Amino acid sequence: MEDKQWLMNQLEKLFEESRDYKQKALLQATKELLQEQEKRREQLQGELDGTLWSPGNWNK
């Protein structure tokens, strides 16, 4: 989690320093991609936790 925050900070810093529209667009898209990946990771973790703790699956 700490690495993700560091990366997001670096992307934000580069975004603020950039004067090139295409570079800014790429940096913004990269930040959004990382946020979406984190959201999906959390959703999958919750799904896995729910599956592992489902009483219906304990007898299998």
C-alpha atoms as a PDB file:
ATOM      1  CA  MET A   1       0.000   0.000   0.000  1.00  0.00           C
ATOM      2  CA  GLU A   2       2.899   2.309   0.750  1.00  0.00           C
ATOM      3  CA  ASP A   3       4.376   1.697  -2.710  1.00  0.00           C
ATOM      4  CA  LYS A   4       1.051   2.574  -4.330  1.00  0.00           C
ATOM      5  CA  GLN A   5       0.904   5.861  -2.442  1.00  0.00           C
ATOM      6  CA  TRP A   6       4.482   6.685  -3.412  1.00  0.00           C
ATOM      7  CA  LEU A   7       3.696   5.940  -7.066  1.00  0.00           C
ATOM      8  CA  MET A   8       0.537   8.055  -6.990  1.00  0.00           C
ATOM      9  CA  ASN A   9       2.520  10.938  -5.462  1.00  0.00           C
ATOM     10  CA  GLN A  10       5.179  10.645  -8.169  1.00  0.00           C
ATOM     11  CA  LEU A  11       2.553  10.602 -10.915  1.00  0.00           C
ATOM     12  CA  GLU A  12       0.865  13.655  -9.411  1.00  0.00           C
ATOM     13  CA  LYS A  13       4.190  15.485  -9.201  1.00  0.00           C
ATOM     14  CA  LEU A  14       4.993  14.682 -12.833  1.00  0.00           C
ATOM     15  CA  PHE A  15       1.484  15.720 -13.864  1.00  0.00           C
ATOM     16  CA  GLU A  16       1.853  19.107 -12.186  1.00  0.00           C
ATOM     17  CA  GLU A  17       5.301  19.695 -13.695  1.00  0.00           C
ATOM     18  CA  SER A  18       4.372  18.641 -17.219  1.00  0.00           C
ATOM     19  CA  ARG A  19       3.486  21.213 -19.872  1.00  0.00           C
ATOM     20  CA  ASP A  20       2.762  18.668 -22.619  1.00  0.00           C
ATOM     21  CA  TYR A  21      -0.916  17.811 -23.085  1.00  0.00           C
ATOM     22  CA  LYS A  22      -0.262  14.237 -24.265  1.00  0.00           C
ATOM     23  CA  GLN A  23       2.041  13.529 -21.348  1.00  0.00           C
ATOM     24  CA  LYS A  24      -0.481  14.945 -18.877  1.00  0.00           C
ATOM     25  CA  ALA A  25      -3.214  12.808 -20.433  1.00  0.00           C
ATOM     26  CA  LEU A  26      -1.034   9.702 -20.131  1.00  0.00           C
ATOM     27  CA  LEU A  27      -0.158  10.448 -16.509  1.00  0.00           C
ATOM     28  CA  GLN A  28      -3.817  11.053 -15.638  1.00  0.00           C
ATOM     29  CA  ALA A  29      -4.877   7.822 -17.355  1.00  0.00           C
ATOM     30  CA  THR A  30      -2.153   5.943 -15.477  1.00  0.00           C
ATOM     31  CA  LYS A  31      -3.412   7.290 -12.144  1.00  0.00           C
ATOM     32  CA  GLU A  32      -6.976   6.289 -13.016  1.00  0.00           C
ATOM     33  CA  LEU A  33      -5.822   2.817 -14.062  1.00  0.00           C
ATOM     34  CA  LEU A  34      -4.002   2.313 -10.758  1.00  0.00           C
ATOM     35  CA  GLN A  35      -7.080   3.418  -8.814  1.00  0.00           C
ATOM     36  CA  GLU A  36      -9.288   1.020 -10.781  1.00  0.00           C
ATOM     37  CA  GLN A  37      -6.846  -1.840 -10.217  1.00  0.00           C
ATOM     38  CA  GLU A  38      -6.834  -1.160  -6.469  1.00  0.00           C
ATOM     39  CA  LYS A  39     -10.637  -1.110  -6.428  1.00  0.00           C
ATOM     40  CA  ARG A  40     -10.795  -4.438  -8.272  1.00  0.00           C
ATOM     41  CA  ARG A  41      -8.146  -5.956  -6.002  1.00  0.00           C
ATOM     42  CA  GLU A  42     -10.216  -5.030  -2.952  1.00  0.00           C
ATOM     43  CA  GLN A  43     -13.370  -6.441  -4.556  1.00  0.00           C
ATOM     44  CA  LEU A  44     -11.647  -9.715  -5.413  1.00  0.00           C
ATOM     45  CA  GLN A  45     -10.199  -9.945  -1.903  1.00  0.00           C
ATOM     46  CA  GLY A  46     -13.689  -9.511  -0.476  1.00  0.00           C
ATOM     47  CA  GLU A  47     -15.057 -12.151  -2.839  1.00  0.00           C
ATOM     48  CA  LEU A  48     -12.301 -14.563  -1.845  1.00  0.00           C
ATOM     49  CA  ASP A  49     -12.886 -13.909   1.858  1.00  0.00           C
ATOM     50  CA  GLY A  50     -16.619 -14.470   1.401  1.00  0.00           C
ATOM     51  CA  THR A  51     -16.053 -17.719  -0.463  1.00  0.00           C
ATOM     52  CA  LEU A  52     -13.591 -19.057   2.091  1.00  0.00           C
ATOM     53  CA  TRP A  53     -15.872 -18.246   5.018  1.00  0.00           C
ATOM     54  CA  SER A  54     -19.086 -19.498   3.430  1.00  0.00           C
ATOM     55  CA  PRO A  55     -20.507 -22.275   5.661  1.00  0.00           C
ATOM     56  CA  GLY A  56     -21.867 -23.990   2.552  1.00  0.00           C
ATOM     57  CA  ASN A  57     -18.305 -24.588   1.376  1.00  0.00           C
ATOM     58  CA  TRP A  58     -16.957 -25.961   4.660  1.00  0.00           C
ATOM     59  CA  ASN A  59     -18.097 -29.548   3.990  1.00  0.00           C
ATOM     60  CA  LYS A  60     -16.500 -29.748   0.553  1.00  0.00           C
END
